Amino acid sequence: REGQDVTIASTSYMTIEAIHAARLLADEGISAEIIDVRTLNPFDESAIVASVRKTGRLITADTASLSLGFGSEIVARVIEQAMPAFAVPPVRLALPDCPMPTSRTLSNGFYPRARDIAAAAYRLLGRPAPDRAVDESLPGDIPDPGFTGPY
């Protein structure tokens, strides 16, 4: 369906969560174009700008803080170059502006997960998120078991 696309610009292990979210979205006919931002400096925003010009929607998923984090910088740069392309305002997913948790119970609600990315995509598309179970058995601060590095 036309107009059912989103751009997800992710950093760090959030790309794994973005891939999981894209699979959830695909089940509902939504195409997610994931851009894995590998380096912060130098930062080449051209791929993100090109994708937003196609989709009209942007979600940033980052493991920095919400305020003054890299997701904010991505949004600022894309708006500077492609403001008319946005169908709706962009969404930033990041860590809350508070100290890092020190227990598994606290960390489970702290880190953005695939369900959060998918929910943001549904909001951008003006669609209700389906009520589906998502496997979140690992704590939010542990990457997917399929992740093999670089750290």
C-alpha atoms as a PDB file:
ATOM      1  CA  ARG A   1       0.000   0.000   0.000  1.00  0.00           C
ATOM      2  CA  GLU A   2       1.254   3.438  -0.877  1.00  0.00           C
ATOM      3  CA  GLY A   3       2.184   5.671   2.028  1.00  0.00           C
ATOM      4  CA  GLN A   4       2.869   2.778   4.390  1.00  0.00           C
ATOM      5  CA  ASP A   5       6.637   3.274   4.616  1.00  0.00           C
ATOM      6  CA  VAL A   6       8.874   4.568   7.388  1.00  0.00           C
ATOM      7  CA  THR A   7      12.562   5.360   7.715  1.00  0.00           C
ATOM      8  CA  ILE A   8      14.329   4.112  10.838  1.00  0.00           C
ATOM      9  CA  ALA A   9      17.787   5.584  11.484  1.00  0.00           C
ATOM     10  CA  SER A  10      19.424   3.573  14.236  1.00  0.00           C
ATOM     11  CA  THR A  11      22.716   3.566  16.049  1.00  0.00           C
ATOM     12  CA  SER A  12      24.569   0.936  18.032  1.00  0.00           C
ATOM     13  CA  TYR A  13      22.712  -2.227  18.914  1.00  0.00           C
ATOM     14  CA  MET A  14      19.413  -0.435  18.314  1.00  0.00           C
ATOM     15  CA  THR A  15      19.777  -1.617  14.716  1.00  0.00           C
ATOM     16  CA  ILE A  16      19.031  -5.145  15.946  1.00  0.00           C
ATOM     17  CA  GLU A  17      15.853  -3.874  17.594  1.00  0.00           C
ATOM     18  CA  ALA A  18      15.008  -1.957  14.400  1.00  0.00           C
ATOM     19  CA  ILE A  19      15.329  -5.174  12.372  1.00  0.00           C
ATOM     20  CA  HIS A  20      12.974  -6.949  14.790  1.00  0.00           C
ATOM     21  CA  ALA A  21      10.556  -4.012  14.559  1.00  0.00           C
ATOM     22  CA  ALA A  22      10.698  -4.100  10.750  1.00  0.00           C
ATOM     23  CA  ARG A  23       9.632  -7.758  10.858  1.00  0.00           C
ATOM     24  CA  LEU A  24       6.679  -6.865  13.105  1.00  0.00           C
ATOM     25  CA  LEU A  25       5.706  -4.030  10.769  1.00  0.00           C
ATOM     26  CA  ALA A  26       6.044  -6.173   7.639  1.00  0.00           C
ATOM     27  CA  ASP A  27       3.373  -8.501   9.029  1.00  0.00           C
ATOM     28  CA  GLU A  28       0.987  -5.517   8.862  1.00  0.00           C
ATOM     29  CA  GLY A  29       2.042  -4.378   5.370  1.00  0.00           C
ATOM     30  CA  ILE A  30       4.371  -1.604   6.537  1.00  0.00           C
ATOM     31  CA  SER A  31       7.791  -1.290   4.942  1.00  0.00           C
ATOM     32  CA  ALA A  32      10.610  -0.021   7.149  1.00  0.00           C
ATOM     33  CA  GLU A  33      13.797   1.214   5.549  1.00  0.00           C
ATOM     34  CA  ILE A  34      16.527   0.796   8.178  1.00  0.00           C
ATOM     35  CA  ILE A  35      19.654   2.910   8.024  1.00  0.00           C
ATOM     36  CA  ASP A  36      22.377   1.719  10.378  1.00  0.00           C
ATOM     37  CA  VAL A  37      24.379   4.789  11.360  1.00  0.00           C
ATOM     38  CA  ARG A  38      27.812   3.259  11.873  1.00  0.00           C
ATOM     39  CA  THR A  39      29.862   6.365  12.560  1.00  0.00           C
ATOM     40  CA  LEU A  40      28.931   9.572  14.272  1.00  0.00           C
ATOM     41  CA  ASN A  41      31.904  11.537  13.000  1.00  0.00           C
ATOM     42  CA  PRO A  42      32.103  11.728  10.078  1.00  0.00           C
ATOM     43  CA  PHE A  43      28.346  11.507   9.679  1.00  0.00           C
ATOM     44  CA  ASP A  44      26.927  11.230   6.173  1.00  0.00           C
ATOM     45  CA  GLU A  45      23.276  12.099   6.415  1.00  0.00           C
ATOM     46  CA  SER A  46      22.597  11.740   2.664  1.00  0.00           C
ATOM     47  CA  ALA A  47      21.175   8.193   2.913  1.00  0.00           C
ATOM     48  CA  ILE A  48      18.778   9.237   5.681  1.00  0.00           C
ATOM     49  CA  VAL A  49      17.691  12.365   3.798  1.00  0.00           C
ATOM     50  CA  ALA A  50      17.097  10.324   0.624  1.00  0.00           C
ATOM     51  CA  SER A  51      15.051   7.751   2.541  1.00  0.00           C
ATOM     52  CA  VAL A  52      12.909  10.390   4.282  1.00  0.00           C
ATOM     53  CA  ARG A  53      12.247  11.996   0.906  1.00  0.00           C
ATOM     54  CA  LYS A  54      10.802   8.612  -0.157  1.00  0.00           C
ATOM     55  CA  THR A  55       8.894   7.701   3.008  1.00  0.00           C
ATOM     56  CA  GLY A  56       7.985  11.083   4.503  1.00  0.00           C
ATOM     57  CA  ARG A  57       8.537   9.611   7.975  1.00  0.00           C
ATOM     58  CA  LEU A  58      11.522   9.292  10.311  1.00  0.00           C
ATOM     59  CA  ILE A  59      12.128   7.392  13.518  1.00  0.00           C
ATOM     60  CA  THR A  60      15.505   7.626  15.221  1.00  0.00           C
ATOM     61  CA  ALA A  61      16.462   4.830  17.605  1.00  0.00           C
ATOM     62  CA  ASP A  62      19.513   5.564  19.695  1.00  0.00           C
ATOM     63  CA  THR A  63      21.153   4.468  22.943  1.00  0.00           C
ATOM     64  CA  ALA A  64      22.120   8.022  23.908  1.00  0.00           C
ATOM     65  CA  SER A  65      19.902  10.235  26.048  1.00  0.00           C
ATOM     66  CA  LEU A  66      16.784  11.739  24.493  1.00  0.00           C
ATOM     67  CA  SER A  67      17.925  15.318  25.105  1.00  0.00           C
ATOM     68  CA  LEU A  68      20.985  16.316  23.128  1.00  0.00           C
ATOM     69  CA  GLY A  69      21.540  12.746  21.884  1.00  0.00           C
ATOM     70  CA  PHE A  70      22.594  11.708  18.407  1.00  0.00           C
ATOM     71  CA  GLY A  71      18.996  11.013  17.406  1.00  0.00           C
ATOM     72  CA  SER A  72      18.321  14.708  17.955  1.00  0.00           C
ATOM     73  CA  GLU A  73      21.214  15.593  15.664  1.00  0.00           C
ATOM     74  CA  ILE A  74      19.892  13.260  12.960  1.00  0.00           C
ATOM     75  CA  VAL A  75      16.459  14.892  13.165  1.00  0.00           C
ATOM     76  CA  ALA A  76      17.954  18.408  13.041  1.00  0.00           C
ATOM     77  CA  ARG A  77      20.073  17.662   9.984  1.00  0.00           C
ATOM     78  CA  VAL A  78      17.294  15.932   8.073  1.00  0.00           C
ATOM     79  CA  ILE A  79      14.837  18.748   8.822  1.00  0.00           C
ATOM     80  CA  GLU A  80      17.401  21.299   7.621  1.00  0.00           C
ATOM     81  CA  GLN A  81      17.682  19.479   4.292  1.00  0.00           C
ATOM     82  CA  ALA A  82      14.284  17.899   3.714  1.00  0.00           C
ATOM     83  CA  MET A  83      11.632  19.616   5.853  1.00  0.00           C
ATOM     84  CA  PRO A  84       8.985  19.620   3.069  1.00  0.00           C
ATOM     85  CA  ALA A  85       9.354  15.844   2.697  1.00  0.00           C
ATOM     86  CA  PHE A  86       7.937  15.120   6.160  1.00  0.00           C
ATOM     87  CA  ALA A  87       4.345  13.864   6.185  1.00  0.00           C
ATOM     88  CA  VAL A  88       4.354  13.961  10.005  1.00  0.00           C
ATOM     89  CA  PRO A  89       6.847  15.150  12.643  1.00  0.00           C
ATOM     90  CA  PRO A  90       9.760  12.760  13.296  1.00  0.00           C
ATOM     91  CA  VAL A  91       9.925  10.557  16.383  1.00  0.00           C
ATOM     92  CA  ARG A  92      13.029  10.139  18.564  1.00  0.00           C
ATOM     93  CA  LEU A  93      13.438   6.976  20.615  1.00  0.00           C
ATOM     94  CA  ALA A  94      16.299   7.093  23.077  1.00  0.00           C
ATOM     95  CA  LEU A  95      17.168   6.587  26.683  1.00  0.00           C
ATOM     96  CA  PRO A  96      15.188   8.658  29.197  1.00  0.00           C
ATOM     97  CA  ASP A  97      16.792  11.771  30.622  1.00  0.00           C
ATOM     98  CA  CYS A  98      17.607  10.150  33.948  1.00  0.00           C
ATOM     99  CA  PRO A  99      20.414   8.068  35.477  1.00  0.00           C
ATOM    100  CA  MET A 100      21.037   4.590  34.048  1.00  0.00           C
ATOM    101  CA  PRO A 101      19.293   1.763  35.914  1.00  0.00           C
ATOM    102  CA  THR A 102      21.284  -0.632  38.031  1.00  0.00           C
ATOM    103  CA  SER A 103      18.945  -3.614  38.087  1.00  0.00           C
ATOM    104  CA  ARG A 104      17.293  -5.898  35.534  1.00  0.00           C
ATOM    105  CA  THR A 105      13.826  -4.829  36.666  1.00  0.00           C
ATOM    106  CA  LEU A 106      14.603  -1.161  36.046  1.00  0.00           C
ATOM    107  CA  SER A 107      16.500  -1.766  32.792  1.00  0.00           C
ATOM    108  CA  ASN A 108      13.560  -3.600  31.203  1.00  0.00           C
ATOM    109  CA  GLY A 109      11.610  -0.351  30.973  1.00  0.00           C
ATOM    110  CA  PHE A 110      14.589   1.864  30.233  1.00  0.00           C
ATOM    111  CA  TYR A 111      15.934   0.741  26.854  1.00  0.00           C
ATOM    112  CA  PRO A 112      13.883   1.210  23.667  1.00  0.00           C
ATOM    113  CA  ARG A 113      12.901  -2.147  22.179  1.00  0.00           C
ATOM    114  CA  ALA A 114      11.439  -3.433  18.909  1.00  0.00           C
ATOM    115  CA  ARG A 115       7.890  -2.945  20.231  1.00  0.00           C
ATOM    116  CA  ASP A 116       8.665   0.741  20.910  1.00  0.00           C
ATOM    117  CA  ILE A 117      10.021   1.255  17.391  1.00  0.00           C
ATOM    118  CA  ALA A 118       7.033  -0.529  15.843  1.00  0.00           C
ATOM    119  CA  ALA A 119       4.615   1.498  18.003  1.00  0.00           C
ATOM    120  CA  ALA A 120       6.275   4.724  16.816  1.00  0.00           C
ATOM    121  CA  ALA A 121       5.840   3.616  13.202  1.00  0.00           C
ATOM    122  CA  TYR A 122       2.136   2.933  13.752  1.00  0.00           C
ATOM    123  CA  ARG A 123       1.737   6.389  15.331  1.00  0.00           C
ATOM    124  CA  LEU A 124       3.468   8.026  12.359  1.00  0.00           C
ATOM    125  CA  LEU A 125       1.110   6.197  10.007  1.00  0.00           C
ATOM    126  CA  GLY A 126      -1.955   7.072  12.087  1.00  0.00           C
ATOM    127  CA  ARG A 127      -2.709   3.391  12.652  1.00  0.00           C
ATOM    128  CA  PRO A 128      -3.435   1.553  15.895  1.00  0.00           C
ATOM    129  CA  ALA A 129      -0.729  -0.884  16.931  1.00  0.00           C
ATOM    130  CA  PRO A 130      -1.918  -4.477  16.870  1.00  0.00           C
ATOM    131  CA  ASP A 131      -2.051  -6.260  20.203  1.00  0.00           C
ATOM    132  CA  ARG A 132       0.709  -8.830  19.658  1.00  0.00           C
ATOM    133  CA  ALA A 133       3.044 -10.616  21.993  1.00  0.00           C
ATOM    134  CA  VAL A 134       6.710  -9.758  21.510  1.00  0.00           C
ATOM    135  CA  ASP A 135       9.511 -11.878  22.928  1.00  0.00           C
ATOM    136  CA  GLU A 136      11.411  -9.665  25.359  1.00  0.00           C
ATOM    137  CA  SER A 137      12.894 -12.391  27.496  1.00  0.00           C
ATOM    138  CA  LEU A 138      16.368 -10.824  27.400  1.00  0.00           C
ATOM    139  CA  PRO A 139      16.964  -7.681  29.471  1.00  0.00           C
ATOM    140  CA  GLY A 140      16.932  -4.493  27.414  1.00  0.00           C
ATOM    141  CA  ASP A 141      20.648  -3.899  27.889  1.00  0.00           C
ATOM    142  CA  ILE A 142      21.679  -7.242  26.335  1.00  0.00           C
ATOM    143  CA  PRO A 143      21.815  -7.387  22.541  1.00  0.00           C
ATOM    144  CA  ASP A 144      20.073 -10.145  20.600  1.00  0.00           C
ATOM    145  CA  PRO A 145      21.842 -13.559  20.916  1.00  0.00           C
ATOM    146  CA  GLY A 146      22.522 -13.388  17.162  1.00  0.00           C
ATOM    147  CA  PHE A 147      24.710 -10.320  17.654  1.00  0.00           C
ATOM    148  CA  THR A 148      28.398 -11.257  17.417  1.00  0.00           C
ATOM    149  CA  GLY A 149      30.252  -8.010  17.849  1.00  0.00           C
ATOM    150  CA  PRO A 150      32.161  -5.689  17.436  1.00  0.00           C
ATOM    151  CA  TYR A 151      32.143  -5.281  21.234  1.00  0.00           C
END
